[in-house]
């Protein structure tokens, strides 16, 4: 018996044993606390249908934008080794300039102010 077949048989056997033990030992009788909406034992205090502030979504979108900026600029050190590093630097500077102008505009319009 070679090593690969031994490991395959051992992992399959161990998986079957652990799955069987899980089904056998698990408690399947739910109680009232586990069936409550939040699983914490407390009654909900308010309505779950209250709308979020639009500012929350603006901050979330800004976070995604700057997260995307980092993802776009991450390969920049390797891109400078291409045939035209000045072109790469120009495109990266353009991206940074556009995002910086957008941030300044959002800041001046008060979109980053959480409280009014």
N, C-alpha and C. Protein backbone atom coordinates (compact mmCIF):
# COMPACT_ATOMS: atom_id res chain seq x y z
N UNK A 1 0.85 -1.17 0.00
CA UNK A 1 0.00 0.00 0.00
C UNK A 1 0.90 1.24 0.00
N UNK A 2 0.71 2.07 -0.98
CA UNK A 2 1.57 3.24 -1.03
C UNK A 2 1.02 4.34 -0.10
N UNK A 3 1.80 5.39 0.02
CA UNK A 3 1.50 6.44 1.00
C UNK A 3 0.25 7.23 0.63
N UNK A 4 0.02 7.48 -0.65
CA UNK A 4 -1.13 8.28 -1.07
C UNK A 4 -2.44 7.56 -0.77
N UNK A 5 -2.51 6.27 -1.07
CA UNK A 5 -3.75 5.54 -0.79
C UNK A 5 -3.98 5.42 0.71
N UNK A 6 -2.90 5.26 1.48
CA UNK A 6 -3.04 5.20 2.94
C UNK A 6 -3.60 6.51 3.49
N UNK A 7 -3.08 7.64 3.00
CA UNK A 7 -3.57 8.94 3.47
C UNK A 7 -5.01 9.18 3.03
N UNK A 8 -5.36 8.74 1.84
CA UNK A 8 -6.73 8.89 1.35
C UNK A 8 -7.71 8.08 2.20
N UNK A 9 -7.36 6.85 2.49
CA UNK A 9 -8.22 5.99 3.31
C UNK A 9 -8.33 6.55 4.73
N UNK A 10 -7.20 7.02 5.28
CA UNK A 10 -7.21 7.56 6.64
C UNK A 10 -8.05 8.82 6.72
N UNK A 11 -7.92 9.75 5.77
CA UNK A 11 -8.69 10.99 5.83
C UNK A 11 -10.18 10.73 5.60
N UNK A 12 -10.52 9.80 4.71
CA UNK A 12 -11.92 9.46 4.49
C UNK A 12 -12.54 8.83 5.73
N UNK A 13 -11.82 7.90 6.35
CA UNK A 13 -12.31 7.25 7.56
C UNK A 13 -12.48 8.26 8.69
N UNK A 14 -11.51 9.13 8.87
CA UNK A 14 -11.59 10.12 9.92
C UNK A 14 -12.75 11.10 9.69
N UNK A 15 -12.97 11.49 8.44
CA UNK A 15 -14.08 12.39 8.12
C UNK A 15 -15.42 11.73 8.41
N UNK A 16 -15.57 10.48 8.05
CA UNK A 16 -16.83 9.76 8.31
C UNK A 16 -17.06 9.61 9.81
N UNK A 17 -16.02 9.29 10.56
CA UNK A 17 -16.16 9.13 12.01
C UNK A 17 -16.55 10.45 12.66
N UNK A 18 -15.89 11.54 12.28
CA UNK A 18 -16.20 12.84 12.89
C UNK A 18 -17.60 13.32 12.52
N UNK A 19 -18.03 13.09 11.29
CA UNK A 19 -19.38 13.48 10.88
C UNK A 19 -20.43 12.68 11.63
N UNK A 20 -20.19 11.39 11.80
CA UNK A 20 -21.11 10.55 12.55
C UNK A 20 -21.19 10.98 14.01
N UNK A 21 -20.05 11.29 14.62
CA UNK A 21 -20.06 11.77 16.00
C UNK A 21 -20.81 13.10 16.13
N UNK A 22 -20.66 13.96 15.16
CA UNK A 22 -21.36 15.23 15.21
C UNK A 22 -22.87 15.04 15.17
N UNK A 23 -23.36 14.19 14.29
CA UNK A 23 -24.81 13.95 14.24
C UNK A 23 -25.31 13.22 15.47
N UNK A 24 -24.49 12.40 16.06
CA UNK A 24 -24.90 11.61 17.21
C UNK A 24 -24.90 12.45 18.49
N UNK A 25 -23.90 13.32 18.65
CA UNK A 25 -23.76 14.07 19.90
C UNK A 25 -24.46 15.44 19.89
N UNK A 26 -24.85 15.92 18.74
CA UNK A 26 -25.44 17.25 18.67
C UNK A 26 -26.82 17.28 19.32
N UNK A 27 -27.10 18.41 19.97
CA UNK A 27 -28.41 18.58 20.59
C UNK A 27 -29.37 19.10 19.53
N UNK A 28 -30.45 18.40 19.33
CA UNK A 28 -31.41 18.81 18.30
C UNK A 28 -32.71 19.36 18.88
N UNK A 29 -32.72 19.63 20.18
CA UNK A 29 -33.94 20.17 20.77
C UNK A 29 -33.76 21.68 20.96
N UNK A 30 -34.36 22.48 20.09
CA UNK A 30 -34.21 23.93 20.21
C UNK A 30 -35.03 24.48 21.37
N UNK A 31 -34.50 25.51 22.01
CA UNK A 31 -35.24 26.16 23.08
C UNK A 31 -35.73 27.52 22.60
N UNK A 32 -36.49 28.20 23.44
CA UNK A 32 -37.12 29.45 23.02
C UNK A 32 -36.10 30.56 22.78
N UNK A 33 -34.99 30.55 23.50
CA UNK A 33 -33.97 31.59 23.30
C UNK A 33 -33.28 31.43 21.95
N UNK A 34 -33.03 30.21 21.54
CA UNK A 34 -32.39 30.00 20.26
C UNK A 34 -33.33 30.27 19.09
N UNK A 35 -34.62 30.24 19.33
CA UNK A 35 -35.58 30.51 18.28
C UNK A 35 -35.96 31.98 18.20
N UNK A 36 -35.45 32.79 19.14
CA UNK A 36 -35.75 34.22 19.09
C UNK A 36 -34.99 34.86 17.93
N UNK A 37 -35.45 36.00 17.44
CA UNK A 37 -34.85 36.59 16.23
C UNK A 37 -33.37 36.91 16.36
N UNK A 38 -32.91 37.32 17.54
CA UNK A 38 -31.52 37.76 17.67
C UNK A 38 -30.66 36.79 18.47
N UNK A 39 -31.19 35.73 18.95
CA UNK A 39 -30.51 34.69 19.71
C UNK A 39 -29.79 35.23 20.94
N UNK A 40 -30.27 36.32 21.51
CA UNK A 40 -29.61 36.86 22.68
C UNK A 40 -30.49 36.76 23.93
N UNK A 41 -31.74 36.41 23.78
CA UNK A 41 -32.62 36.29 24.92
C UNK A 41 -33.37 37.56 25.24
N UNK A 42 -33.04 38.68 24.59
CA UNK A 42 -33.72 39.95 24.84
C UNK A 42 -34.76 40.19 23.77
N UNK A 43 -35.85 40.82 24.16
CA UNK A 43 -36.85 41.23 23.18
C UNK A 43 -36.32 42.45 22.42
N UNK A 44 -36.60 42.52 21.14
CA UNK A 44 -36.16 43.70 20.39
C UNK A 44 -36.82 44.96 20.92
N UNK A 45 -36.02 46.04 21.03
CA UNK A 45 -36.53 47.26 21.64
C UNK A 45 -37.23 48.17 20.65
N UNK A 46 -36.79 48.16 19.41
CA UNK A 46 -37.38 49.05 18.42
C UNK A 46 -37.67 48.31 17.13
N UNK A 47 -38.12 49.07 16.17
CA UNK A 47 -38.41 48.48 14.88
C UNK A 47 -37.12 48.23 14.11
N UNK A 48 -37.06 47.13 13.44
CA UNK A 48 -35.90 46.82 12.62
C UNK A 48 -36.01 47.46 11.25
N UNK A 49 -37.07 48.15 10.99
CA UNK A 49 -37.31 48.76 9.68
C UNK A 49 -36.97 50.25 9.64
N UNK A 50 -36.27 50.76 10.65
CA UNK A 50 -35.88 52.16 10.64
C UNK A 50 -34.82 52.38 9.56
N UNK A 51 -34.95 53.43 8.78
CA UNK A 51 -33.98 53.65 7.70
C UNK A 51 -32.64 54.14 8.23
N UNK A 52 -31.57 53.76 7.55
CA UNK A 52 -30.24 54.26 7.87
C UNK A 52 -30.10 55.67 7.34
N UNK A 53 -29.20 56.40 7.92
CA UNK A 53 -28.89 57.73 7.40
C UNK A 53 -28.14 57.57 6.08
N UNK A 54 -28.40 58.47 5.16
CA UNK A 54 -27.72 58.42 3.86
C UNK A 54 -26.24 58.65 4.03
N UNK A 55 -25.84 59.31 5.08
CA UNK A 55 -24.42 59.55 5.34
C UNK A 55 -23.67 58.25 5.59
N UNK A 56 -24.34 57.29 6.18
CA UNK A 56 -23.71 55.99 6.38
C UNK A 56 -23.32 55.38 5.04
N UNK A 57 -24.21 55.46 4.08
CA UNK A 57 -23.93 54.90 2.77
C UNK A 57 -22.85 55.69 2.04
N UNK A 58 -22.82 57.01 2.23
CA UNK A 58 -21.77 57.82 1.61
C UNK A 58 -20.39 57.45 2.14
N UNK A 59 -20.29 57.27 3.45
CA UNK A 59 -19.01 56.88 4.03
C UNK A 59 -18.61 55.49 3.56
N UNK A 60 -19.57 54.59 3.45
CA UNK A 60 -19.27 53.25 2.96
C UNK A 60 -18.79 53.28 1.52
N UNK A 61 -19.41 54.11 0.68
CA UNK A 61 -18.99 54.21 -0.72
C UNK A 61 -17.60 54.83 -0.81
N UNK A 62 -17.33 55.83 0.02
CA UNK A 62 -15.99 56.42 0.03
C UNK A 62 -14.94 55.39 0.45
N UNK A 63 -15.27 54.58 1.43
CA UNK A 63 -14.33 53.54 1.84
C UNK A 63 -14.06 52.58 0.70
N UNK A 64 -15.10 52.18 0.00
CA UNK A 64 -14.91 51.28 -1.14
C UNK A 64 -14.08 51.92 -2.24
N UNK A 65 -14.29 53.20 -2.48
CA UNK A 65 -13.51 53.90 -3.50
C UNK A 65 -12.03 53.89 -3.15
N UNK A 66 -11.69 54.22 -1.92
CA UNK A 66 -10.28 54.28 -1.57
C UNK A 66 -9.69 52.89 -1.40
N UNK A 67 -10.49 51.93 -1.08
CA UNK A 67 -10.02 50.55 -1.06
C UNK A 67 -9.69 50.10 -2.48
N UNK A 68 -10.52 50.49 -3.42
CA UNK A 68 -10.26 50.18 -4.83
C UNK A 68 -9.03 50.92 -5.32
N UNK A 69 -8.82 52.13 -4.84
CA UNK A 69 -7.62 52.87 -5.23
C UNK A 69 -6.35 52.12 -4.81
N UNK A 70 -6.36 51.59 -3.62
CA UNK A 70 -5.20 50.85 -3.14
C UNK A 70 -5.00 49.60 -3.99
N UNK A 71 -6.08 48.95 -4.36
CA UNK A 71 -5.96 47.74 -5.19
C UNK A 71 -5.43 48.08 -6.58
N UNK A 72 -5.80 49.25 -7.11
CA UNK A 72 -5.30 49.65 -8.41
C UNK A 72 -3.85 50.09 -8.37
N UNK A 73 -3.42 50.67 -7.27
CA UNK A 73 -2.06 51.18 -7.17
C UNK A 73 -1.08 50.17 -6.60
N UNK A 74 -1.55 49.04 -6.15
CA UNK A 74 -0.66 48.03 -5.56
C UNK A 74 0.39 47.51 -6.53
N UNK A 75 0.06 47.22 -7.79
CA UNK A 75 1.10 46.72 -8.69
C UNK A 75 1.98 47.82 -9.30
N UNK A 76 1.87 49.05 -8.81
CA UNK A 76 2.63 50.16 -9.38
C UNK A 76 4.15 49.97 -9.31
N UNK A 77 4.74 49.46 -8.23
CA UNK A 77 6.20 49.28 -8.24
C UNK A 77 6.67 48.32 -9.33
N UNK A 78 5.89 47.32 -9.66
CA UNK A 78 6.30 46.40 -10.72
C UNK A 78 6.02 46.99 -12.09
N UNK A 79 5.02 47.86 -12.16
CA UNK A 79 4.67 48.46 -13.44
C UNK A 79 5.70 49.49 -13.88
N UNK A 80 6.50 50.01 -12.95
CA UNK A 80 7.53 50.97 -13.34
C UNK A 80 8.66 50.30 -14.10
N UNK A 81 8.71 49.00 -14.12
CA UNK A 81 9.75 48.28 -14.85
C UNK A 81 9.32 47.95 -16.27
N UNK A 82 8.18 48.45 -16.71
CA UNK A 82 7.71 48.22 -18.07
C UNK A 82 8.50 49.08 -19.05
N UNK A 83 8.13 49.00 -20.31
CA UNK A 83 8.87 49.73 -21.34
C UNK A 83 8.69 51.23 -21.23
N UNK A 84 7.54 51.68 -20.76
CA UNK A 84 7.30 53.12 -20.64
C UNK A 84 6.89 53.46 -19.21
N UNK A 85 7.85 53.61 -18.30
CA UNK A 85 7.49 53.91 -16.91
C UNK A 85 6.87 55.30 -16.75
N UNK A 86 7.16 56.23 -17.66
CA UNK A 86 6.55 57.55 -17.56
C UNK A 86 5.05 57.50 -17.84
N UNK A 87 4.65 56.64 -18.76
CA UNK A 87 3.23 56.47 -19.03
C UNK A 87 2.52 55.86 -17.82
N UNK A 88 3.15 54.90 -17.19
CA UNK A 88 2.58 54.29 -15.99
C UNK A 88 2.44 55.32 -14.88
N UNK A 89 3.48 56.13 -14.70
CA UNK A 89 3.44 57.17 -13.67
C UNK A 89 2.36 58.21 -13.98
N UNK A 90 2.17 58.53 -15.26
CA UNK A 90 1.14 59.50 -15.63
C UNK A 90 -0.25 58.96 -15.33
N UNK A 91 -0.52 57.70 -15.65
CA UNK A 91 -1.84 57.12 -15.37
C UNK A 91 -2.09 57.01 -13.87
N UNK A 92 -1.07 56.62 -13.11
CA UNK A 92 -1.24 56.51 -11.66
C UNK A 92 -1.47 57.89 -11.05
N UNK A 93 -0.77 58.90 -11.56
CA UNK A 93 -0.97 60.27 -11.05
C UNK A 93 -2.36 60.77 -11.41
N UNK A 94 -2.87 60.41 -12.58
CA UNK A 94 -4.21 60.81 -12.97
C UNK A 94 -5.26 60.19 -12.05
N UNK A 95 -5.09 58.92 -11.74
CA UNK A 95 -6.03 58.25 -10.83
C UNK A 95 -6.00 58.90 -9.46
N UNK A 96 -4.79 59.16 -8.94
CA UNK A 96 -4.68 59.80 -7.64
C UNK A 96 -5.26 61.21 -7.64
N UNK A 97 -5.03 61.96 -8.71
CA UNK A 97 -5.56 63.31 -8.80
C UNK A 97 -7.09 63.32 -8.83
N UNK A 98 -7.68 62.42 -9.61
CA UNK A 98 -9.15 62.35 -9.67
C UNK A 98 -9.75 61.97 -8.32
N UNK A 99 -9.15 61.01 -7.66
CA UNK A 99 -9.68 60.60 -6.36
C UNK A 99 -9.47 61.67 -5.30
N UNK A 100 -8.35 62.39 -5.38
CA UNK A 100 -8.11 63.47 -4.43
C UNK A 100 -9.08 64.62 -4.65
N UNK A 101 -9.35 64.95 -5.91
CA UNK A 101 -10.33 65.99 -6.20
C UNK A 101 -11.73 65.58 -5.73
N UNK A 102 -12.07 64.32 -5.91
CA UNK A 102 -13.35 63.83 -5.41
C UNK A 102 -13.46 63.90 -3.90
N UNK A 103 -12.36 63.58 -3.22
CA UNK A 103 -12.36 63.67 -1.75
C UNK A 103 -12.49 65.11 -1.29
N UNK A 104 -11.79 66.03 -1.94
CA UNK A 104 -11.88 67.44 -1.57
C UNK A 104 -13.30 67.96 -1.81
N UNK A 105 -13.90 67.57 -2.92
CA UNK A 105 -15.28 67.99 -3.21
C UNK A 105 -16.24 67.46 -2.16
N UNK A 106 -16.08 66.19 -1.81
CA UNK A 106 -16.96 65.58 -0.80
C UNK A 106 -16.77 66.25 0.55
N UNK A 107 -15.54 66.60 0.87
CA UNK A 107 -15.23 67.26 2.12
C UNK A 107 -15.85 68.65 2.18
N UNK A 108 -15.72 69.41 1.08
CA UNK A 108 -16.28 70.77 1.07
C UNK A 108 -17.80 70.76 1.07
N UNK A 109 -18.42 69.74 0.52
CA UNK A 109 -19.88 69.66 0.51
C UNK A 109 -20.44 69.16 1.84
N UNK A 110 -19.58 68.71 2.73
CA UNK A 110 -20.02 68.25 4.05
C UNK A 110 -20.46 66.80 4.06
N UNK A 111 -20.06 66.04 3.09
CA UNK A 111 -20.46 64.65 3.04
C UNK A 111 -19.76 63.76 4.05
N UNK A 112 -18.67 64.25 4.62
CA UNK A 112 -17.95 63.46 5.61
C UNK A 112 -18.33 63.81 7.04
N UNK A 113 -19.22 64.78 7.20
CA UNK A 113 -19.68 65.16 8.53
C UNK A 113 -20.75 64.17 8.98
N UNK A 114 -20.50 63.47 10.05
CA UNK A 114 -21.45 62.46 10.49
C UNK A 114 -22.64 63.09 11.20
N UNK A 115 -22.39 64.07 12.07
CA UNK A 115 -23.48 64.72 12.79
C UNK A 115 -23.76 66.06 12.15
N UNK A 116 -25.02 66.44 12.15
CA UNK A 116 -25.42 67.71 11.54
C UNK A 116 -25.41 68.82 12.57
